[in-house]
C-alpha atoms as a PDB file:
ATOM      1  CA  UNK A   1     -68.774  45.820 -22.697  1.00  0.00           C
ATOM      2  CA  UNK A   2     -65.037  45.455 -23.215  1.00  0.00           C
ATOM      3  CA  UNK A   3     -63.110  47.777 -20.923  1.00  0.00           C
ATOM      4  CA  UNK A   4     -59.839  49.433 -21.860  1.00  0.00           C
ATOM      5  CA  UNK A   5     -56.738  48.929 -19.750  1.00  0.00           C
ATOM      6  CA  UNK A   6     -56.561  52.664 -19.119  1.00  0.00           C
ATOM      7  CA  UNK A   7     -58.953  55.566 -18.702  1.00  0.00           C
ATOM      8  CA  UNK A   8     -58.766  59.364 -18.893  1.00  0.00           C
ATOM      9  CA  UNK A   9     -59.448  61.767 -16.036  1.00  0.00           C
ATOM     10  CA  UNK A  10     -60.154  65.324 -17.101  1.00  0.00           C
ATOM     11  CA  UNK A  11     -58.686  68.031 -14.930  1.00  0.00           C
ATOM     12  CA  UNK A  12     -61.875  70.085 -14.780  1.00  0.00           C
ATOM     13  CA  UNK A  13     -63.771  67.010 -13.516  1.00  0.00           C
ATOM     14  CA  UNK A  14     -61.296  66.533 -10.685  1.00  0.00           C
ATOM     15  CA  UNK A  15     -62.114  69.934  -9.247  1.00  0.00           C
ATOM     16  CA  UNK A  16     -64.624  68.121  -7.048  1.00  0.00           C
ATOM     17  CA  UNK A  17     -61.708  66.816  -4.996  1.00  0.00           C
ATOM     18  CA  UNK A  18     -61.245  70.315  -3.627  1.00  0.00           C
ATOM     19  CA  UNK A  19     -64.611  69.967  -1.827  1.00  0.00           C
ATOM     20  CA  UNK A  20     -63.826  66.537  -0.346  1.00  0.00           C
ATOM     21  CA  UNK A  21     -61.687  65.500   2.546  1.00  0.00           C
ATOM     22  CA  UNK A  22     -58.655  63.350   1.873  1.00  0.00           C
ATOM     23  CA  UNK A  23     -60.598  60.277   3.089  1.00  0.00           C
ATOM     24  CA  UNK A  24     -63.557  61.051   0.809  1.00  0.00           C
ATOM     25  CA  UNK A  25     -61.248  61.772  -2.151  1.00  0.00           C
ATOM     26  CA  UNK A  26     -59.516  58.444  -1.558  1.00  0.00           C
ATOM     27  CA  UNK A  27     -62.839  56.595  -1.525  1.00  0.00           C
ATOM     28  CA  UNK A  28     -63.827  58.295  -4.801  1.00  0.00           C
ATOM     29  CA  UNK A  29     -60.627  57.231  -6.579  1.00  0.00           C
ATOM     30  CA  UNK A  30     -60.995  53.654  -5.308  1.00  0.00           C
ATOM     31  CA  UNK A  31     -64.594  53.587  -6.502  1.00  0.00           C
ATOM     32  CA  UNK A  32     -63.364  54.365 -10.026  1.00  0.00           C
ATOM     33  CA  UNK A  33     -61.121  51.328  -9.857  1.00  0.00           C
ATOM     34  CA  UNK A  34     -64.045  49.174  -8.661  1.00  0.00           C
ATOM     35  CA  UNK A  35     -66.099  50.349 -11.659  1.00  0.00           C
ATOM     36  CA  UNK A  36     -63.363  49.404 -14.145  1.00  0.00           C
ATOM     37  CA  UNK A  37     -63.002  45.996 -12.496  1.00  0.00           C
ATOM     38  CA  UNK A  38     -66.773  45.451 -12.892  1.00  0.00           C
ATOM     39  CA  UNK A  39     -67.007  44.970  -9.134  1.00  0.00           C
ATOM     40  CA  UNK A  40     -70.072  45.813  -7.042  1.00  0.00           C
ATOM     41  CA  UNK A  41     -70.567  49.426  -5.981  1.00  0.00           C
ATOM     42  CA  UNK A  42     -73.284  48.651  -3.433  1.00  0.00           C
ATOM     43  CA  UNK A  43     -70.978  49.068  -0.443  1.00  0.00           C
ATOM     44  CA  UNK A  44     -70.224  52.709  -1.365  1.00  0.00           C
ATOM     45  CA  UNK A  45     -71.747  55.447   0.764  1.00  0.00           C
ATOM     46  CA  UNK A  46     -74.237  57.863  -0.731  1.00  0.00           C
ATOM     47  CA  UNK A  47     -71.763  60.772  -1.099  1.00  0.00           C
ATOM     48  CA  UNK A  48     -69.240  58.665  -2.967  1.00  0.00           C
ATOM     49  CA  UNK A  49     -71.946  57.346  -5.334  1.00  0.00           C
ATOM     50  CA  UNK A  50     -73.081  60.905  -6.114  1.00  0.00           C
ATOM     51  CA  UNK A  51     -69.503  62.066  -6.780  1.00  0.00           C
ATOM     52  CA  UNK A  52     -68.769  58.984  -8.905  1.00  0.00           C
ATOM     53  CA  UNK A  53     -71.809  59.306 -11.205  1.00  0.00           C
ATOM     54  CA  UNK A  54     -70.435  61.973 -13.637  1.00  0.00           C
ATOM     55  CA  UNK A  55     -67.150  60.041 -13.915  1.00  0.00           C
ATOM     56  CA  UNK A  56     -69.050  56.868 -14.842  1.00  0.00           C
ATOM     57  CA  UNK A  57     -70.906  58.755 -17.596  1.00  0.00           C
ATOM     58  CA  UNK A  58     -67.590  60.055 -18.927  1.00  0.00           C
ATOM     59  CA  UNK A  59     -66.015  56.579 -18.818  1.00  0.00           C
ATOM     60  CA  UNK A  60     -68.928  55.111 -20.785  1.00  0.00           C
ATOM     61  CA  UNK A  61     -68.737  57.805 -23.496  1.00  0.00           C
ATOM     62  CA  UNK A  62     -64.967  57.507 -23.817  1.00  0.00           C
ATOM     63  CA  UNK A  63     -65.133  53.725 -23.972  1.00  0.00           C
ATOM     64  CA  UNK A  64     -67.781  53.889 -26.712  1.00  0.00           C
ATOM     65  CA  UNK A  65     -65.537  56.168 -28.810  1.00  0.00           C
ATOM     66  CA  UNK A  66     -62.623  53.837 -28.217  1.00  0.00           C
ATOM     67  CA  UNK A  67     -64.617  50.815 -29.371  1.00  0.00           C
ATOM     68  CA  UNK A  68     -65.704  52.616 -32.527  1.00  0.00           C
ATOM     69  CA  UNK A  69     -62.115  53.522 -33.398  1.00  0.00           C
ATOM     70  CA  UNK A  70     -60.954  50.000 -32.660  1.00  0.00           C
ATOM     71  CA  UNK A  71     -63.661  48.598 -34.938  1.00  0.00           C
ATOM     72  CA  UNK A  72     -62.654  50.956 -37.786  1.00  0.00           C
ATOM     73  CA  UNK A  73     -59.024  49.906 -37.374  1.00  0.00           C
ATOM     74  CA  UNK A  74     -59.955  46.228 -37.543  1.00  0.00           C
ATOM     75  CA  UNK A  75     -62.111  46.858 -40.603  1.00  0.00           C
ATOM     76  CA  UNK A  76     -59.343  48.791 -42.357  1.00  0.00           C
ATOM     77  CA  UNK A  77     -56.909  46.018 -41.522  1.00  0.00           C
ATOM     78  CA  UNK A  78     -59.116  43.473 -43.269  1.00  0.00           C
ATOM     79  CA  UNK A  79     -59.277  45.766 -46.314  1.00  0.00           C
ATOM     80  CA  UNK A  80     -55.526  46.230 -46.553  1.00  0.00           C
ATOM     81  CA  UNK A  81     -54.870  49.321 -44.429  1.00  0.00           C
ATOM     82  CA  UNK A  82     -55.933  52.876 -43.771  1.00  0.00           C
ATOM     83  CA  UNK A  83     -57.941  54.504 -46.590  1.00  0.00           C
ATOM     84  CA  UNK A  84     -56.188  57.116 -48.724  1.00  0.00           C
ATOM     85  CA  UNK A  85     -56.458  60.778 -47.868  1.00  0.00           C
ATOM     86  CA  UNK A  86     -59.383  62.744 -49.216  1.00  0.00           C
ATOM     87  CA  UNK A  87     -59.220  65.914 -51.246  1.00  0.00           C
ATOM     88  CA  UNK A  88     -61.015  67.798 -48.467  1.00  0.00           C
ATOM     89  CA  UNK A  89     -58.394  69.011 -45.950  1.00  0.00           C
ATOM     90  CA  UNK A  90     -61.169  69.659 -43.393  1.00  0.00           C
ATOM     91  CA  UNK A  91     -62.098  65.956 -43.348  1.00  0.00           C
ATOM     92  CA  UNK A  92     -58.879  63.982 -43.671  1.00  0.00           C
ATOM     93  CA  UNK A  93     -59.129  60.210 -43.647  1.00  0.00           C
ATOM     94  CA  UNK A  94     -55.540  59.724 -42.532  1.00  0.00           C
ATOM     95  CA  UNK A  95     -52.205  61.460 -42.446  1.00  0.00           C
ATOM     96  CA  UNK A  96     -52.137  64.487 -44.729  1.00  0.00           C
ATOM     97  CA  UNK A  97     -49.705  64.432 -47.586  1.00  0.00           C
ATOM     98  CA  UNK A  98     -48.394  67.207 -49.763  1.00  0.00           C
ATOM     99  CA  UNK A  99     -50.075  67.250 -53.127  1.00  0.00           C
ATOM    100  CA  UNK A 100     -47.641  67.696 -55.949  1.00  0.00           C
ATOM    101  CA  UNK A 101     -48.853  69.526 -58.994  1.00  0.00           C
ATOM    102  CA  UNK A 102     -48.434  67.490 -62.168  1.00  0.00           C
ATOM    103  CA  UNK A 103     -45.404  68.568 -64.107  1.00  0.00           C
ATOM    104  CA  UNK A 104     -45.646  69.616 -67.710  1.00  0.00           C
ATOM    105  CA  UNK A 105     -44.480  66.845 -70.009  1.00  0.00           C
ATOM    106  CA  UNK A 106     -41.007  67.391 -71.361  1.00  0.00           C
ATOM    107  CA  UNK A 107     -40.841  67.415 -75.117  1.00  0.00           C
ATOM    108  CA  UNK A 108     -37.600  65.893 -76.293  1.00  0.00           C
ATOM    109  CA  UNK A 109     -37.896  67.514 -79.707  1.00  0.00           C
ATOM    110  CA  UNK A 110     -36.100  70.798 -80.305  1.00  0.00           C
ATOM    111  CA  UNK A 111     -37.229  73.076 -83.112  1.00  0.00           C
ATOM    112  CA  UNK A 112     -34.392  74.912 -84.835  1.00  0.00           C
ATOM    113  CA  UNK A 113     -34.883  77.773 -87.273  1.00  0.00           C
ATOM    114  CA  UNK A 114     -32.873  78.137 -90.436  1.00  0.00           C
ATOM    115  CA  UNK A 115     -30.546  80.744 -88.945  1.00  0.00           C
ATOM    116  CA  UNK A 116     -29.204  80.337 -85.437  1.00  0.00           C
ATOM    117  CA  UNK A 117     -27.280  83.297 -84.050  1.00  0.00           C
ATOM    118  CA  UNK A 118     -24.349  82.263 -81.895  1.00  0.00           C
ATOM    119  CA  UNK A 119     -21.745  84.359 -80.078  1.00  0.00           C
ATOM    120  CA  UNK A 120     -19.160  86.016 -82.293  1.00  0.00           C
ATOM    121  CA  UNK A 121     -21.823  86.405 -84.979  1.00  0.00           C
ATOM    122  CA  UNK A 122     -21.554  82.849 -86.265  1.00  0.00           C
ATOM    123  CA  UNK A 123     -24.560  81.803 -88.363  1.00  0.00           C
ATOM    124  CA  UNK A 124     -25.442  78.135 -88.537  1.00  0.00           C
ATOM    125  CA  UNK A 125     -27.683  77.064 -91.417  1.00  0.00           C
ATOM    126  CA  UNK A 126     -29.546  73.774 -91.264  1.00  0.00           C
ATOM    127  CA  UNK A 127     -30.850  72.283 -94.473  1.00  0.00           C
ATOM    128  CA  UNK A 128     -33.378  70.069 -92.724  1.00  0.00           C
ATOM    129  CA  UNK A 129     -35.926  71.895 -90.565  1.00  0.00           C
ATOM    130  CA  UNK A 130     -37.317  68.707 -89.053  1.00  0.00           C
ATOM    131  CA  UNK A 131     -37.275  68.505 -85.235  1.00  0.00           C
ATOM    132  CA  UNK A 132     -34.380  66.571 -83.803  1.00  0.00           C
ATOM    133  CA  UNK A 133     -33.665  65.039 -80.413  1.00  0.00           C
ATOM    134  CA  UNK A 134     -30.642  67.152 -79.625  1.00  0.00           C
ATOM    135  CA  UNK A 135     -28.322  69.457 -81.528  1.00  0.00           C
ATOM    136  CA  UNK A 136     -24.828  70.220 -80.271  1.00  0.00           C
ATOM    137  CA  UNK A 137     -23.269  73.328 -81.788  1.00  0.00           C
ATOM    138  CA  UNK A 138     -19.807  74.604 -81.080  1.00  0.00           C
ATOM    139  CA  UNK A 139     -18.753  78.137 -81.896  1.00  0.00           C
ATOM    140  CA  UNK A 140     -15.356  78.426 -83.575  1.00  0.00           C
ATOM    141  CA  UNK A 141     -13.220  80.483 -81.245  1.00  0.00           C
ATOM    142  CA  UNK A 142     -11.663  83.529 -82.821  1.00  0.00           C
ATOM    143  CA  UNK A 143      -7.931  83.733 -82.218  1.00  0.00           C
ATOM    144  CA  UNK A 144      -7.526  86.941 -80.277  1.00  0.00           C
ATOM    145  CA  UNK A 145      -4.350  88.972 -79.928  1.00  0.00           C
ATOM    146  CA  UNK A 146      -3.984  87.732 -76.375  1.00  0.00           C
ATOM    147  CA  UNK A 147      -4.228  84.116 -77.554  1.00  0.00           C
ATOM    148  CA  UNK A 148      -1.699  84.698 -80.355  1.00  0.00           C
ATOM    149  CA  UNK A 149       0.770  86.301 -77.935  1.00  0.00           C
ATOM    150  CA  UNK A 150       0.266  83.461 -75.466  1.00  0.00           C
ATOM    151  CA  UNK A 151       0.848  80.851 -78.182  1.00  0.00           C
ATOM    152  CA  UNK A 152       4.057  82.642 -79.141  1.00  0.00           C
ATOM    153  CA  UNK A 153       5.217  82.548 -75.520  1.00  0.00           C
ATOM    154  CA  UNK A 154       4.448  78.805 -75.286  1.00  0.00           C
ATOM    155  CA  UNK A 155       6.558  78.156 -78.379  1.00  0.00           C
ATOM    156  CA  UNK A 156       9.409  80.479 -77.380  1.00  0.00           C
ATOM    157  CA  UNK A 157       9.706  79.020 -73.872  1.00  0.00           C
ATOM    158  CA  UNK A 158       9.345  75.415 -75.075  1.00  0.00           C
ATOM    159  CA  UNK A 159       6.223  74.928 -72.974  1.00  0.00           C
ATOM    160  CA  UNK A 160       3.835  72.031 -73.396  1.00  0.00           C
ATOM    161  CA  UNK A 161       0.851  73.372 -75.370  1.00  0.00           C
ATOM    162  CA  UNK A 162      -1.383  70.666 -73.906  1.00  0.00           C
ATOM    163  CA  UNK A 163      -0.812  71.683 -70.305  1.00  0.00           C
ATOM    164  CA  UNK A 164      -0.138  75.413 -70.723  1.00  0.00           C
ATOM    165  CA  UNK A 165      -3.383  77.377 -70.562  1.00  0.00           C
ATOM    166  CA  UNK A 166      -4.300  80.991 -71.158  1.00  0.00           C
ATOM    167  CA  UNK A 167      -5.720  81.525 -67.701  1.00  0.00           C
ATOM    168  CA  UNK A 168      -7.800  84.533 -66.732  1.00  0.00           C
ATOM    169  CA  UNK A 169      -4.832  86.023 -64.890  1.00  0.00           C
ATOM    170  CA  UNK A 170      -2.492  85.671 -67.879  1.00  0.00           C
ATOM    171  CA  UNK A 171      -5.093  86.965 -70.297  1.00  0.00           C
ATOM    172  CA  UNK A 172      -5.744  90.003 -68.141  1.00  0.00           C
ATOM    173  CA  UNK A 173      -2.124  91.195 -67.994  1.00  0.00           C
ATOM    174  CA  UNK A 174      -1.678  90.691 -71.756  1.00  0.00           C
ATOM    175  CA  UNK A 175      -4.822  92.689 -72.499  1.00  0.00           C
ATOM    176  CA  UNK A 176      -3.749  95.345 -70.003  1.00  0.00           C
ATOM    177  CA  UNK A 177      -0.507  95.894 -71.904  1.00  0.00           C
ATOM    178  CA  UNK A 178      -2.360  95.999 -75.215  1.00  0.00           C
ATOM    179  CA  UNK A 179      -4.632  98.668 -73.739  1.00  0.00           C
ATOM    180  CA  UNK A 180      -1.483 100.564 -72.770  1.00  0.00           C
ATOM    181  CA  UNK A 181      -0.707 100.748 -76.537  1.00  0.00           C
ATOM    182  CA  UNK A 182       2.085  98.175 -76.484  1.00  0.00           C
ATOM    183  CA  UNK A 183       1.871  96.371 -79.823  1.00  0.00           C
ATOM    184  CA  UNK A 184       1.785  92.571 -80.119  1.00  0.00           C
ATOM    185  CA  UNK A 185       5.191  92.790 -81.830  1.00  0.00           C
ATOM    186  CA  UNK A 186       6.682  94.622 -78.848  1.00  0.00           C
ATOM    187  CA  UNK A 187       5.252  92.050 -76.429  1.00  0.00           C
ATOM    188  CA  UNK A 188       6.647  89.188 -78.506  1.00  0.00           C
ATOM    189  CA  UNK A 189      10.049  90.896 -78.615  1.00  0.00           C
ATOM    190  CA  UNK A 190       9.853  91.200 -74.802  1.00  0.00           C
ATOM    191  CA  UNK A 191       9.229  87.458 -74.678  1.00  0.00           C
ATOM    192  CA  UNK A 192      12.381  86.972 -76.767  1.00  0.00           C
ATOM    193  CA  UNK A 193      14.244  89.268 -74.385  1.00  0.00           C
ATOM    194  CA  UNK A 194      13.172  87.153 -71.406  1.00  0.00           C
ATOM    195  CA  UNK A 195      14.290  84.051 -73.313  1.00  0.00           C
ATOM    196  CA  UNK A 196      17.733  85.615 -73.801  1.00  0.00           C
ATOM    197  CA  UNK A 197      18.072  86.618 -70.136  1.00  0.00           C
ATOM    198  CA  UNK A 198      19.903  83.798 -68.354  1.00  0.00           C
ATOM    199  CA  UNK A 199      18.681  84.851 -64.917  1.00  0.00           C
ATOM    200  CA  UNK A 200      15.041  84.723 -66.005  1.00  0.00           C
ATOM    201  CA  UNK A 201      15.607  81.319 -67.592  1.00  0.00           C
ATOM    202  CA  UNK A 202      16.808  79.769 -64.332  1.00  0.00           C
ATOM    203  CA  UNK A 203      20.512  80.644 -64.094  1.00  0.00           C
ATOM    204  CA  UNK A 204      20.166  82.102 -60.613  1.00  0.00           C
ATOM    205  CA  UNK A 205      20.841  81.154 -57.003  1.00  0.00           C
ATOM    206  CA  UNK A 206      17.404  79.559 -56.742  1.00  0.00           C
ATOM    207  CA  UNK A 207      17.772  77.606 -60.006  1.00  0.00           C
ATOM    208  CA  UNK A 208      14.242  78.668 -60.814  1.00  0.00           C
ATOM    209  CA  UNK A 209      13.007  80.232 -64.037  1.00  0.00           C
ATOM    210  CA  UNK A 210      11.100  83.499 -63.873  1.00  0.00           C
ATOM    211  CA  UNK A 211       9.743  83.561 -67.378  1.00  0.00           C
ATOM    212  CA  UNK A 212       5.962  83.255 -67.112  1.00  0.00           C
ATOM    213  CA  UNK A 213       4.003  85.452 -69.493  1.00  0.00           C
ATOM    214  CA  UNK A 214       2.194  86.872 -66.462  1.00  0.00           C
ATOM    215  CA  UNK A 215       5.538  88.122 -65.106  1.00  0.00           C
ATOM    216  CA  UNK A 216       6.687  89.496 -68.463  1.00  0.00           C
ATOM    217  CA  UNK A 217       3.458  91.485 -68.909  1.00  0.00           C
ATOM    218  CA  UNK A 218       2.810  92.280 -65.261  1.00  0.00           C
ATOM    219  CA  UNK A 219       3.581  95.977 -65.729  1.00  0.00           C
ATOM    220  CA  UNK A 220       4.600  98.205 -68.586  1.00  0.00           C
ATOM    221  CA  UNK A 221       7.971  98.777 -66.928  1.00  0.00           C
ATOM    222  CA  UNK A 222       8.590  95.036 -66.652  1.00  0.00           C
ATOM    223  CA  UNK A 223       7.664  94.536 -70.275  1.00  0.00           C
ATOM    224  CA  UNK A 224      10.036  97.295 -71.371  1.00  0.00           C
ATOM    225  CA  UNK A 225      12.922  95.826 -69.349  1.00  0.00           C
ATOM    226  CA  UNK A 226      12.708  92.611 -71.372  1.00  0.00           C
ATOM    227  CA  UNK A 227      12.098  94.477 -74.625  1.00  0.00           C
ATOM    228  CA  UNK A 228      15.338  96.450 -74.099  1.00  0.00           C
ATOM    229  CA  UNK A 229      17.312  93.206 -73.974  1.00  0.00           C
ATOM    230  CA  UNK A 230      16.424  92.392 -77.571  1.00  0.00           C
ATOM    231  CA  UNK A 231      17.106  95.966 -78.663  1.00  0.00           C
ATOM    232  CA  UNK A 232      20.581  95.901 -77.100  1.00  0.00           C
ATOM    233  CA  UNK A 233      21.368  92.591 -78.707  1.00  0.00           C
ATOM    234  CA  UNK A 234      20.047  93.833 -82.036  1.00  0.00           C
ATOM    235  CA  UNK A 235      22.210  96.940 -81.787  1.00  0.00           C
ATOM    236  CA  UNK A 236      25.225  94.827 -80.845  1.00  0.00           C
ATOM    237  CA  UNK A 237      24.679  92.632 -83.869  1.00  0.00           C
ATOM    238  CA  UNK A 238      24.349  95.656 -86.095  1.00  0.00           C
ATOM    239  CA  UNK A 239      27.521  97.111 -84.644  1.00  0.00           C
ATOM    240  CA  UNK A 240      29.419  93.856 -85.104  1.00  0.00           C
ATOM    241  CA  UNK A 241      28.205  93.531 -88.673  1.00  0.00           C
ATOM    242  CA  UNK A 242      29.285  97.121 -89.455  1.00  0.00           C
ATOM    243  CA  UNK A 243      32.698  96.536 -87.871  1.00  0.00           C
ATOM    244  CA  UNK A 244      33.214  93.372 -89.936  1.00  0.00           C
ATOM    245  CA  UNK A 245      32.153  95.232 -93.053  1.00  0.00           C
ATOM    246  CA  UNK A 246      34.665  98.022 -92.419  1.00  0.00           C
ATOM    247  CA  UNK A 247      37.414  95.531 -91.740  1.00  0.00           C
ATOM    248  CA  UNK A 248      36.686  93.749 -94.973  1.00  0.00           C
ATOM    249  CA  UNK A 249      36.961  97.023 -96.881  1.00  0.00           C
ATOM    250  CA  UNK A 250      40.528  97.428 -95.668  1.00  0.00           C
ATOM    251  CA  UNK A 251      41.594  94.005 -96.836  1.00  0.00           C
ATOM    252  CA  UNK A 252      43.612  93.876-100.041  1.00  0.00           C
ATOM    253  CA  UNK A 253      42.096  91.026-101.924  1.00  0.00           C
ATOM    254  CA  UNK A 254      45.203  90.723-104.046  1.00  0.00           C
ATOM    255  CA  UNK A 255      47.152  89.747-100.944  1.00  0.00           C
ATOM    256  CA  UNK A 256      44.912  86.758-100.167  1.00  0.00           C
END
């Protein structure tokens, strides 16, 4: 019988040491070593032999289990490794693995009806009902009042239309003023007023323009302050035109 290089001592079996003297306990432990070395046990006294007997029975059982496991490992090695796990979790043949449920096959074909409702009530009609691999549909964006006002501001302020965007913040203040019953025409005139204000266009001690549409439409009062600029200039032009007209009436054409 092949003997392992180590053996197991169960705690409950060692309770016998409590009934032995230190000398007797030492003899018992040494007798275990003699057994594993396959040396003669004849020289042991009767008490030590009696105490050793249950340990020998345990060693034989444990060694038999060890040999059986070793033989299975050798056999599996010849066959290419440990057998795969079984479907019975109560009798696993190796390390348990998570079973992954088979996924439903993905069908690359997309069925499209004749009429496809898209946001903004855009209907797309397809002549061919045959399934297709993929269909990309873009909804034409309706030009809103906020977008039209923003585009006007971009043009009036000579902004780059490629880099100037109607952000959520800008859109919000424009829509807020529209909700306040300011007309798109009034907002555009306020943009013109900001354009005509040298301070807002950068002629200030900071050499920085303050002409963003978000600033123009930030509040109703701010919007009106820029709108007044255009009204004053319009009134000045009307006054100058009337003055020139009156002066021309007093001119004697015969004297020219």
